[in-house]
All heavy atoms as atom14 arrays in JSON, in Angstrom:
{
  "sequence": "ELSFAEAACLPTAWLTAYRMLFVKSGLRPGQTVLVQGASGGVATALI",
  "atom14_mask": [
    [1, 1, 1, 1, 1, 1, 1, 1, 1, 0, 0, 0, 0, 0],
    [1, 1, 1, 1, 1, 1, 1, 1, 0, 0, 0, 0, 0, 0],
    [1, 1, 1, 1, 1, 1, 0, 0, 0, 0, 0, 0, 0, 0],
    [1, 1, 1, 1, 1, 1, 1, 1, 1, 1, 1, 0, 0, 0],
    [1, 1, 1, 1, 1, 0, 0, 0, 0, 0, 0, 0, 0, 0],
    [1, 1, 1, 1, 1, 1, 1, 1, 1, 0, 0, 0, 0, 0],
    [1, 1, 1, 1, 1, 0, 0, 0, 0, 0, 0, 0, 0, 0],
    [1, 1, 1, 1, 1, 0, 0, 0, 0, 0, 0, 0, 0, 0],
    [1, 1, 1, 1, 1, 1, 0, 0, 0, 0, 0, 0, 0, 0],
    [1, 1, 1, 1, 1, 1, 1, 1, 0, 0, 0, 0, 0, 0],
    [1, 1, 1, 1, 1, 1, 1, 0, 0, 0, 0, 0, 0, 0],
    [1, 1, 1, 1, 1, 1, 1, 0, 0, 0, 0, 0, 0, 0],
    [1, 1, 1, 1, 1, 0, 0, 0, 0, 0, 0, 0, 0, 0],
    [1, 1, 1, 1, 1, 1, 1, 1, 1, 1, 1, 1, 1, 1],
    [1, 1, 1, 1, 1, 1, 1, 1, 0, 0, 0, 0, 0, 0],
    [1, 1, 1, 1, 1, 1, 1, 0, 0, 0, 0, 0, 0, 0],
    [1, 1, 1, 1, 1, 0, 0, 0, 0, 0, 0, 0, 0, 0],
    [1, 1, 1, 1, 1, 1, 1, 1, 1, 1, 1, 1, 0, 0],
    [1, 1, 1, 1, 1, 1, 1, 1, 1, 1, 1, 0, 0, 0],
    [1, 1, 1, 1, 1, 1, 1, 1, 0, 0, 0, 0, 0, 0],
    [1, 1, 1, 1, 1, 1, 1, 1, 0, 0, 0, 0, 0, 0],
    [1, 1, 1, 1, 1, 1, 1, 1, 1, 1, 1, 0, 0, 0],
    [1, 1, 1, 1, 1, 1, 1, 0, 0, 0, 0, 0, 0, 0],
    [1, 1, 1, 1, 1, 1, 1, 1, 1, 0, 0, 0, 0, 0],
    [1, 1, 1, 1, 1, 1, 0, 0, 0, 0, 0, 0, 0, 0],
    [1, 1, 1, 1, 0, 0, 0, 0, 0, 0, 0, 0, 0, 0],
    [1, 1, 1, 1, 1, 1, 1, 1, 0, 0, 0, 0, 0, 0],
    [1, 1, 1, 1, 1, 1, 1, 1, 1, 1, 1, 0, 0, 0],
    [1, 1, 1, 1, 1, 1, 1, 0, 0, 0, 0, 0, 0, 0],
    [1, 1, 1, 1, 0, 0, 0, 0, 0, 0, 0, 0, 0, 0],
    [1, 1, 1, 1, 1, 1, 1, 1, 1, 0, 0, 0, 0, 0],
    [1, 1, 1, 1, 1, 1, 1, 0, 0, 0, 0, 0, 0, 0],
    [1, 1, 1, 1, 1, 1, 1, 0, 0, 0, 0, 0, 0, 0],
    [1, 1, 1, 1, 1, 1, 1, 1, 0, 0, 0, 0, 0, 0],
    [1, 1, 1, 1, 1, 1, 1, 0, 0, 0, 0, 0, 0, 0],
    [1, 1, 1, 1, 1, 1, 1, 1, 1, 0, 0, 0, 0, 0],
    [1, 1, 1, 1, 0, 0, 0, 0, 0, 0, 0, 0, 0, 0],
    [1, 1, 1, 1, 1, 0, 0, 0, 0, 0, 0, 0, 0, 0],
    [1, 1, 1, 1, 1, 1, 0, 0, 0, 0, 0, 0, 0, 0],
    [1, 1, 1, 1, 0, 0, 0, 0, 0, 0, 0, 0, 0, 0],
    [1, 1, 1, 1, 0, 0, 0, 0, 0, 0, 0, 0, 0, 0],
    [1, 1, 1, 1, 1, 1, 1, 0, 0, 0, 0, 0, 0, 0],
    [1, 1, 1, 1, 1, 0, 0, 0, 0, 0, 0, 0, 0, 0],
    [1, 1, 1, 1, 1, 1, 1, 0, 0, 0, 0, 0, 0, 0],
    [1, 1, 1, 1, 1, 0, 0, 0, 0, 0, 0, 0, 0, 0],
    [1, 1, 1, 1, 1, 1, 1, 1, 0, 0, 0, 0, 0, 0],
    [1, 1, 1, 1, 1, 1, 1, 1, 0, 0, 0, 0, 0, 0]
  ],
  "atom14_positions": [
    [[35.21, 24.29, 89.28], [34.29, 25.15, 88.85], [34.46, 25.95, 87.66], [33.49, 26.27, 86.97], [33.8, 26.02, 90.08], [33.2, 25.42, 91.27], [34.44, 25.13, 92.29], [35.5, 24.96, 91.84], [34.05, 25.08, 93.44], [0.0, 0.0, 0.0], [0.0, 0.0, 0.0], [0.0, 0.0, 0.0], [0.0, 0.0, 0.0], [0.0, 0.0, 0.0]],
    [[35.78, 26.26, 87.3], [36.02, 27.03, 86.21], [36.52, 26.17, 85.07], [37.37, 25.27, 85.2], [37.1, 28.01, 86.51], [36.81, 29.2, 87.52], [38.03, 29.78, 87.98], [35.85, 30.1, 86.98], [0.0, 0.0, 0.0], [0.0, 0.0, 0.0], [0.0, 0.0, 0.0], [0.0, 0.0, 0.0], [0.0, 0.0, 0.0], [0.0, 0.0, 0.0]],
    [[36.06, 26.52, 83.86], [36.48, 25.72, 82.64], [37.91, 26.27, 82.41], [38.34, 27.34, 82.77], [35.53, 25.97, 81.47], [35.63, 27.43, 81.01], [0.0, 0.0, 0.0], [0.0, 0.0, 0.0], [0.0, 0.0, 0.0], [0.0, 0.0, 0.0], [0.0, 0.0, 0.0], [0.0, 0.0, 0.0], [0.0, 0.0, 0.0], [0.0, 0.0, 0.0]],
    [[38.64, 25.58, 81.49], [39.86, 26.05, 81.05], [39.81, 27.44, 80.32], [40.57, 28.26, 80.55], [40.54, 24.91, 80.1], [41.1, 23.77, 80.68], [40.48, 22.51, 80.5], [42.18, 23.79, 81.64], [41.01, 21.44, 81.1], [42.63, 22.67, 82.32], [42.07, 21.43, 82.02], [0.0, 0.0, 0.0], [0.0, 0.0, 0.0], [0.0, 0.0, 0.0]],
    [[38.83, 27.59, 79.53], [38.59, 28.85, 78.79], [38.52, 30.07, 79.86], [38.96, 31.04, 79.73], [37.49, 28.75, 77.73], [0.0, 0.0, 0.0], [0.0, 0.0, 0.0], [0.0, 0.0, 0.0], [0.0, 0.0, 0.0], [0.0, 0.0, 0.0], [0.0, 0.0, 0.0], [0.0, 0.0, 0.0], [0.0, 0.0, 0.0], [0.0, 0.0, 0.0]],
    [[37.57, 29.77, 80.81], [37.33, 30.76, 81.84], [38.5, 31.13, 82.58], [38.84, 32.36, 82.9], [36.2, 30.31, 82.69], [34.8, 30.28, 82.04], [33.75, 29.63, 82.87], [34.18, 28.79, 83.79], [32.53, 29.78, 82.48], [0.0, 0.0, 0.0], [0.0, 0.0, 0.0], [0.0, 0.0, 0.0], [0.0, 0.0, 0.0], [0.0, 0.0, 0.0]],
    [[39.27, 30.02, 83.08], [40.45, 30.35, 83.85], [41.51, 30.96, 83.06], [42.26, 31.83, 83.62], [41.01, 28.89, 84.24], [0.0, 0.0, 0.0], [0.0, 0.0, 0.0], [0.0, 0.0, 0.0], [0.0, 0.0, 0.0], [0.0, 0.0, 0.0], [0.0, 0.0, 0.0], [0.0, 0.0, 0.0], [0.0, 0.0, 0.0], [0.0, 0.0, 0.0]],
    [[41.6, 30.74, 81.71], [42.67, 31.45, 80.89], [42.33, 32.85, 80.86], [43.44, 33.68, 80.35], [42.69, 30.84, 79.5], [0.0, 0.0, 0.0], [0.0, 0.0, 0.0], [0.0, 0.0, 0.0], [0.0, 0.0, 0.0], [0.0, 0.0, 0.0], [0.0, 0.0, 0.0], [0.0, 0.0, 0.0], [0.0, 0.0, 0.0], [0.0, 0.0, 0.0]],
    [[41.24, 33.4, 81.06], [40.92, 34.83, 81.02], [41.43, 35.63, 82.23], [41.6, 36.84, 82.22], [39.39, 35.09, 80.94], [38.67, 34.39, 79.43], [0.0, 0.0, 0.0], [0.0, 0.0, 0.0], [0.0, 0.0, 0.0], [0.0, 0.0, 0.0], [0.0, 0.0, 0.0], [0.0, 0.0, 0.0], [0.0, 0.0, 0.0], [0.0, 0.0, 0.0]],
    [[41.68, 34.85, 83.36], [41.96, 35.51, 84.62], [43.31, 36.14, 84.71], [43.37, 37.27, 85.26], [41.73, 34.56, 85.78], [40.29, 34.02, 85.89], [40.13, 32.96, 87.03], [39.3, 35.06, 86.07], [0.0, 0.0, 0.0], [0.0, 0.0, 0.0], [0.0, 0.0, 0.0], [0.0, 0.0, 0.0], [0.0, 0.0, 0.0], [0.0, 0.0, 0.0]],
    [[44.35, 35.65, 84.35], [45.7, 36.09, 84.73], [46.12, 37.42, 84.24], [46.98, 38.02, 84.89], [46.7, 34.99, 84.24], [45.88, 33.79, 84.08], [44.52, 34.3, 83.55], [0.0, 0.0, 0.0], [0.0, 0.0, 0.0], [0.0, 0.0, 0.0], [0.0, 0.0, 0.0], [0.0, 0.0, 0.0], [0.0, 0.0, 0.0], [0.0, 0.0, 0.0]],
    [[45.64, 37.86, 83.24], [45.98, 39.25, 82.68], [44.83, 40.26, 82.86], [44.89, 41.1, 83.75], [46.46, 39.19, 81.22], [47.54, 38.3, 81.11], [46.8, 40.57, 80.64], [0.0, 0.0, 0.0], [0.0, 0.0, 0.0], [0.0, 0.0, 0.0], [0.0, 0.0, 0.0], [0.0, 0.0, 0.0], [0.0, 0.0, 0.0], [0.0, 0.0, 0.0]],
    [[43.77, 40.17, 82.05], [42.73, 41.19, 82.05], [42.12, 41.2, 83.43], [41.86, 42.31, 84.09], [41.81, 41.05, 80.88], [0.0, 0.0, 0.0], [0.0, 0.0, 0.0], [0.0, 0.0, 0.0], [0.0, 0.0, 0.0], [0.0, 0.0, 0.0], [0.0, 0.0, 0.0], [0.0, 0.0, 0.0], [0.0, 0.0, 0.0], [0.0, 0.0, 0.0]],
    [[41.58, 40.07, 83.84], [40.81, 39.91, 85.1], [41.58, 40.26, 86.4], [41.13, 40.83, 87.29], [40.08, 38.61, 85.15], [38.83, 38.71, 84.34], [38.64, 38.82, 83.06], [37.42, 38.7, 84.9], [37.34, 38.95, 82.64], [36.6, 38.79, 83.74], [36.88, 38.44, 86.09], [35.23, 38.81, 83.76], [35.61, 38.57, 86.22], [34.66, 38.71, 85.15]],
    [[42.93, 39.81, 86.39], [43.8, 40.14, 87.5], [44.03, 41.64, 87.58], [44.11, 42.25, 88.58], [45.05, 39.33, 87.38], [46.08, 39.52, 88.48], [45.57, 39.25, 89.83], [47.32, 38.71, 88.24], [0.0, 0.0, 0.0], [0.0, 0.0, 0.0], [0.0, 0.0, 0.0], [0.0, 0.0, 0.0], [0.0, 0.0, 0.0], [0.0, 0.0, 0.0]],
    [[44.27, 42.18, 86.33], [44.48, 43.65, 86.25], [43.24, 44.43, 86.89], [43.47, 45.3, 87.67], [44.72, 44.14, 84.79], [45.87, 43.44, 84.34], [44.86, 45.61, 84.74], [0.0, 0.0, 0.0], [0.0, 0.0, 0.0], [0.0, 0.0, 0.0], [0.0, 0.0, 0.0], [0.0, 0.0, 0.0], [0.0, 0.0, 0.0], [0.0, 0.0, 0.0]],
    [[42.07, 44.02, 86.55], [40.84, 44.65, 87.02], [40.74, 44.48, 88.55], [40.38, 45.36, 89.25], [39.64, 44.05, 86.28], [0.0, 0.0, 0.0], [0.0, 0.0, 0.0], [0.0, 0.0, 0.0], [0.0, 0.0, 0.0], [0.0, 0.0, 0.0], [0.0, 0.0, 0.0], [0.0, 0.0, 0.0], [0.0, 0.0, 0.0], [0.0, 0.0, 0.0]],
    [[40.99, 43.23, 89.03], [40.92, 42.98, 90.48], [41.83, 43.84, 91.26], [41.37, 44.42, 92.27], [41.27, 41.49, 90.69], [41.18, 40.98, 92.03], [40.0, 40.43, 92.62], [42.22, 41.17, 92.9], [39.96, 40.0, 93.94], [42.14, 40.65, 94.27], [41.03, 40.09, 94.74], [40.95, 39.75, 96.06], [0.0, 0.0, 0.0], [0.0, 0.0, 0.0]],
    [[43.09, 43.93, 90.82], [44.1, 44.84, 91.55], [43.64, 46.24, 91.5], [43.7, 46.97, 92.5], [45.38, 44.69, 90.84], [46.65, 45.37, 91.65], [47.86, 45.07, 90.96], [49.03, 45.85, 91.58], [49.82, 45.32, 92.55], [49.48, 44.21, 93.17], [50.81, 46.01, 93.04], [0.0, 0.0, 0.0], [0.0, 0.0, 0.0], [0.0, 0.0, 0.0]],
    [[43.16, 46.74, 90.3], [42.72, 48.14, 90.21], [41.6, 48.51, 91.23], [41.68, 49.54, 91.93], [42.24, 48.42, 88.84], [43.28, 48.41, 87.67], [42.54, 48.59, 86.0], [42.05, 50.28, 86.08], [0.0, 0.0, 0.0], [0.0, 0.0, 0.0], [0.0, 0.0, 0.0], [0.0, 0.0, 0.0], [0.0, 0.0, 0.0], [0.0, 0.0, 0.0]],
    [[40.71, 47.59, 91.17], [39.44, 47.88, 92.0], [39.6, 47.58, 93.49], [39.19, 48.37, 94.41], [38.28, 47.15, 91.42], [36.93, 47.5, 91.87], [36.6, 48.99, 91.59], [35.88, 46.61, 91.1], [0.0, 0.0, 0.0], [0.0, 0.0, 0.0], [0.0, 0.0, 0.0], [0.0, 0.0, 0.0], [0.0, 0.0, 0.0], [0.0, 0.0, 0.0]],
    [[40.18, 46.44, 93.86], [40.21, 46.06, 95.15], [41.46, 46.27, 96.04], [41.51, 46.35, 97.19], [39.94, 44.52, 95.26], [38.59, 44.19, 94.65], [38.45, 43.13, 93.77], [37.43, 44.91, 94.97], [37.22, 42.77, 93.25], [36.11, 44.51, 94.4], [36.11, 43.49, 93.52], [0.0, 0.0, 0.0], [0.0, 0.0, 0.0], [0.0, 0.0, 0.0]],
    [[42.61, 46.46, 95.23], [43.9, 46.7, 95.9], [44.29, 48.13, 95.79], [44.81, 48.7, 96.81], [44.98, 45.78, 95.33], [46.32, 45.9, 96.01], [44.46, 44.24, 95.39], [0.0, 0.0, 0.0], [0.0, 0.0, 0.0], [0.0, 0.0, 0.0], [0.0, 0.0, 0.0], [0.0, 0.0, 0.0], [0.0, 0.0, 0.0], [0.0, 0.0, 0.0]],
    [[44.16, 48.76, 94.65], [44.75, 50.11, 94.49], [43.81, 51.29, 94.65], [44.23, 52.36, 95.08], [45.32, 50.16, 92.98], [46.57, 49.36, 92.73], [47.74, 49.92, 93.46], [48.99, 49.32, 93.08], [50.27, 49.94, 93.59], [0.0, 0.0, 0.0], [0.0, 0.0, 0.0], [0.0, 0.0, 0.0], [0.0, 0.0, 0.0], [0.0, 0.0, 0.0]],
    [[42.52, 51.07, 94.41], [41.61, 52.28, 94.23], [41.33, 52.85, 95.7], [41.12, 54.13, 95.78], [40.33, 51.87, 93.71], [39.48, 51.09, 94.49], [0.0, 0.0, 0.0], [0.0, 0.0, 0.0], [0.0, 0.0, 0.0], [0.0, 0.0, 0.0], [0.0, 0.0, 0.0], [0.0, 0.0, 0.0], [0.0, 0.0, 0.0], [0.0, 0.0, 0.0]],
    [[41.29, 52.03, 96.69], [40.86, 52.58, 98.08], [39.35, 52.81, 98.18], [38.83, 53.35, 99.16], [0.0, 0.0, 0.0], [0.0, 0.0, 0.0], [0.0, 0.0, 0.0], [0.0, 0.0, 0.0], [0.0, 0.0, 0.0], [0.0, 0.0, 0.0], [0.0, 0.0, 0.0], [0.0, 0.0, 0.0], [0.0, 0.0, 0.0], [0.0, 0.0, 0.0]],
    [[38.64, 52.38, 97.05], [37.1, 52.62, 97.04], [36.5, 51.6, 97.86], [36.96, 50.43, 98.12], [36.65, 52.6, 95.68], [37.2, 53.87, 94.75], [36.88, 53.6, 93.44], [36.75, 55.16, 95.27], [0.0, 0.0, 0.0], [0.0, 0.0, 0.0], [0.0, 0.0, 0.0], [0.0, 0.0, 0.0], [0.0, 0.0, 0.0], [0.0, 0.0, 0.0]],
    [[35.24, 51.83, 98.28], [34.53, 50.89, 99.07], [33.1, 50.45, 98.25], [32.59, 51.26, 97.63], [34.11, 51.46, 100.41], [35.3, 51.88, 101.22], [34.97, 52.47, 102.62], [34.26, 53.65, 102.37], [34.64, 54.88, 102.1], [35.9, 55.13, 101.93], [33.87, 55.95, 102.04], [0.0, 0.0, 0.0], [0.0, 0.0, 0.0], [0.0, 0.0, 0.0]],
    [[32.63, 49.34, 98.61], [31.24, 49.02, 98.05], [30.23, 50.05, 98.36], [30.3, 50.62, 99.5], [30.91, 47.67, 98.79], [32.26, 47.11, 99.04], [33.17, 48.23, 99.37], [0.0, 0.0, 0.0], [0.0, 0.0, 0.0], [0.0, 0.0, 0.0], [0.0, 0.0, 0.0], [0.0, 0.0, 0.0], [0.0, 0.0, 0.0], [0.0, 0.0, 0.0]],
    [[29.41, 50.35, 97.43], [28.5, 51.39, 97.57], [28.87, 52.64, 96.9], [28.03, 53.53, 96.52], [0.0, 0.0, 0.0], [0.0, 0.0, 0.0], [0.0, 0.0, 0.0], [0.0, 0.0, 0.0], [0.0, 0.0, 0.0], [0.0, 0.0, 0.0], [0.0, 0.0, 0.0], [0.0, 0.0, 0.0], [0.0, 0.0, 0.0], [0.0, 0.0, 0.0]],
    [[30.03, 52.9, 96.63], [30.54, 54.01, 95.98], [30.42, 53.94, 94.33], [30.25, 52.75, 93.89], [32.03, 54.38, 96.22], [32.18, 54.85, 97.77], [33.58, 55.33, 98.02], [34.52, 54.37, 97.91], [33.83, 56.54, 98.33], [0.0, 0.0, 0.0], [0.0, 0.0, 0.0], [0.0, 0.0, 0.0], [0.0, 0.0, 0.0], [0.0, 0.0, 0.0]],
    [[30.47, 55.02, 93.65], [30.21, 54.99, 92.25], [31.57, 54.98, 91.46], [32.39, 55.79, 91.79], [29.45, 56.21, 91.82], [28.2, 56.23, 92.56], [29.0, 56.1, 90.35], [0.0, 0.0, 0.0], [0.0, 0.0, 0.0], [0.0, 0.0, 0.0], [0.0, 0.0, 0.0], [0.0, 0.0, 0.0], [0.0, 0.0, 0.0], [0.0, 0.0, 0.0]],
    [[31.7, 53.98, 90.62], [32.92, 53.87, 89.83], [32.57, 53.99, 88.36], [31.61, 53.38, 87.79], [33.55, 52.57, 90.05], [34.74, 52.36, 89.05], [33.91, 52.33, 91.51], [0.0, 0.0, 0.0], [0.0, 0.0, 0.0], [0.0, 0.0, 0.0], [0.0, 0.0, 0.0], [0.0, 0.0, 0.0], [0.0, 0.0, 0.0], [0.0, 0.0, 0.0]],
    [[33.33, 54.76, 87.52], [33.19, 55.03, 86.13], [34.24, 54.18, 85.46], [35.4, 54.24, 85.75], [33.19, 56.4, 85.66], [33.19, 56.74, 84.1], [31.85, 56.29, 83.63], [33.64, 58.1, 83.78], [0.0, 0.0, 0.0], [0.0, 0.0, 0.0], [0.0, 0.0, 0.0], [0.0, 0.0, 0.0], [0.0, 0.0, 0.0], [0.0, 0.0, 0.0]],
    [[33.77, 53.18, 84.5], [34.71, 52.41, 83.69], [34.78, 52.95, 82.28], [33.7, 52.95, 81.67], [34.2, 51.0, 83.76], [35.25, 50.19, 82.96], [34.22, 50.45, 85.21], [0.0, 0.0, 0.0], [0.0, 0.0, 0.0], [0.0, 0.0, 0.0], [0.0, 0.0, 0.0], [0.0, 0.0, 0.0], [0.0, 0.0, 0.0], [0.0, 0.0, 0.0]],
    [[35.93, 53.46, 81.79], [35.92, 54.03, 80.54], [36.21, 52.83, 79.54], [37.05, 51.88, 79.72], [37.15, 54.95, 80.54], [36.95, 56.17, 81.29], [36.13, 57.26, 80.6], [35.25, 56.98, 79.8], [36.3, 58.57, 81.06], [0.0, 0.0, 0.0], [0.0, 0.0, 0.0], [0.0, 0.0, 0.0], [0.0, 0.0, 0.0], [0.0, 0.0, 0.0]],
    [[35.46, 52.91, 78.4], [35.69, 51.98, 77.31], [35.08, 50.69, 77.46], [35.81, 49.59, 77.45], [0.0, 0.0, 0.0], [0.0, 0.0, 0.0], [0.0, 0.0, 0.0], [0.0, 0.0, 0.0], [0.0, 0.0, 0.0], [0.0, 0.0, 0.0], [0.0, 0.0, 0.0], [0.0, 0.0, 0.0], [0.0, 0.0, 0.0], [0.0, 0.0, 0.0]],
    [[33.79, 50.63, 77.66], [33.07, 49.3, 77.69], [33.37, 48.39, 76.6], [33.55, 48.86, 75.56], [31.56, 49.57, 77.86], [0.0, 0.0, 0.0], [0.0, 0.0, 0.0], [0.0, 0.0, 0.0], [0.0, 0.0, 0.0], [0.0, 0.0, 0.0], [0.0, 0.0, 0.0], [0.0, 0.0, 0.0], [0.0, 0.0, 0.0], [0.0, 0.0, 0.0]],
    [[33.52, 47.12, 76.9], [33.63, 45.97, 76.1], [35.11, 45.46, 76.0], [35.21, 44.21, 75.57], [33.24, 46.26, 74.56], [34.22, 46.8, 73.83], [0.0, 0.0, 0.0], [0.0, 0.0, 0.0], [0.0, 0.0, 0.0], [0.0, 0.0, 0.0], [0.0, 0.0, 0.0], [0.0, 0.0, 0.0], [0.0, 0.0, 0.0], [0.0, 0.0, 0.0]],
    [[36.05, 46.16, 76.37], [37.47, 45.65, 76.46], [37.52, 44.59, 77.54], [36.64, 44.54, 78.42], [0.0, 0.0, 0.0], [0.0, 0.0, 0.0], [0.0, 0.0, 0.0], [0.0, 0.0, 0.0], [0.0, 0.0, 0.0], [0.0, 0.0, 0.0], [0.0, 0.0, 0.0], [0.0, 0.0, 0.0], [0.0, 0.0, 0.0], [0.0, 0.0, 0.0]],
    [[38.52, 43.68, 77.54], [38.64, 42.73, 78.57], [38.75, 43.27, 79.95], [38.03, 42.67, 80.82], [0.0, 0.0, 0.0], [0.0, 0.0, 0.0], [0.0, 0.0, 0.0], [0.0, 0.0, 0.0], [0.0, 0.0, 0.0], [0.0, 0.0, 0.0], [0.0, 0.0, 0.0], [0.0, 0.0, 0.0], [0.0, 0.0, 0.0], [0.0, 0.0, 0.0]],
    [[39.69, 44.19, 80.18], [39.75, 44.7, 81.55], [38.4, 45.46, 81.99], [37.97, 45.33, 83.03], [40.98, 45.68, 81.7], [40.98, 46.36, 83.02], [42.24, 44.89, 81.42], [0.0, 0.0, 0.0], [0.0, 0.0, 0.0], [0.0, 0.0, 0.0], [0.0, 0.0, 0.0], [0.0, 0.0, 0.0], [0.0, 0.0, 0.0], [0.0, 0.0, 0.0]],
    [[37.85, 46.23, 81.04], [36.66, 46.89, 81.35], [35.5, 46.09, 81.65], [34.74, 46.36, 82.59], [36.25, 47.83, 80.23], [0.0, 0.0, 0.0], [0.0, 0.0, 0.0], [0.0, 0.0, 0.0], [0.0, 0.0, 0.0], [0.0, 0.0, 0.0], [0.0, 0.0, 0.0], [0.0, 0.0, 0.0], [0.0, 0.0, 0.0], [0.0, 0.0, 0.0]],
    [[35.32, 44.88, 80.92], [34.42, 43.9, 81.22], [34.58, 43.29, 82.54], [33.53, 43.06, 83.3], [34.42, 42.96, 80.14], [34.09, 43.4, 78.83], [33.39, 41.79, 80.4], [0.0, 0.0, 0.0], [0.0, 0.0, 0.0], [0.0, 0.0, 0.0], [0.0, 0.0, 0.0], [0.0, 0.0, 0.0], [0.0, 0.0, 0.0], [0.0, 0.0, 0.0]],
    [[35.81, 43.02, 82.87], [36.07, 42.46, 84.2], [35.75, 43.38, 85.42], [35.17, 42.99, 86.36], [37.53, 42.01, 84.27], [0.0, 0.0, 0.0], [0.0, 0.0, 0.0], [0.0, 0.0, 0.0], [0.0, 0.0, 0.0], [0.0, 0.0, 0.0], [0.0, 0.0, 0.0], [0.0, 0.0, 0.0], [0.0, 0.0, 0.0], [0.0, 0.0, 0.0]],
    [[36.03, 44.64, 85.15], [35.75, 45.69, 86.15], [34.21, 45.83, 86.37], [33.85, 45.88, 87.51], [36.3, 47.04, 85.66], [37.74, 47.22, 85.8], [38.28, 48.49, 85.0], [38.12, 47.37, 87.26], [0.0, 0.0, 0.0], [0.0, 0.0, 0.0], [0.0, 0.0, 0.0], [0.0, 0.0, 0.0], [0.0, 0.0, 0.0], [0.0, 0.0, 0.0]],
    [[33.48, 45.74, 85.28], [31.94, 45.7, 85.4], [31.45, 44.54, 86.31], [30.74, 44.79, 87.3], [31.31, 45.7, 84.16], [31.68, 46.99, 83.3], [29.78, 45.66, 84.3], [31.27, 47.03, 81.84], [0.0, 0.0, 0.0], [0.0, 0.0, 0.0], [0.0, 0.0, 0.0], [0.0, 0.0, 0.0], [0.0, 0.0, 0.0], [0.0, 0.0, 0.0]]
  ]
}
């Protein structure tokens, strides 16, 4: 389902975002999260 280009984006920026949000933060769906610095790779993934 993922192109090579899409898959290549995951291991650094997107994995960093995944761990921040779902592993480290302790936050739950429905809560409000502020992402600083829109447009960067990690920030985009977090959104």
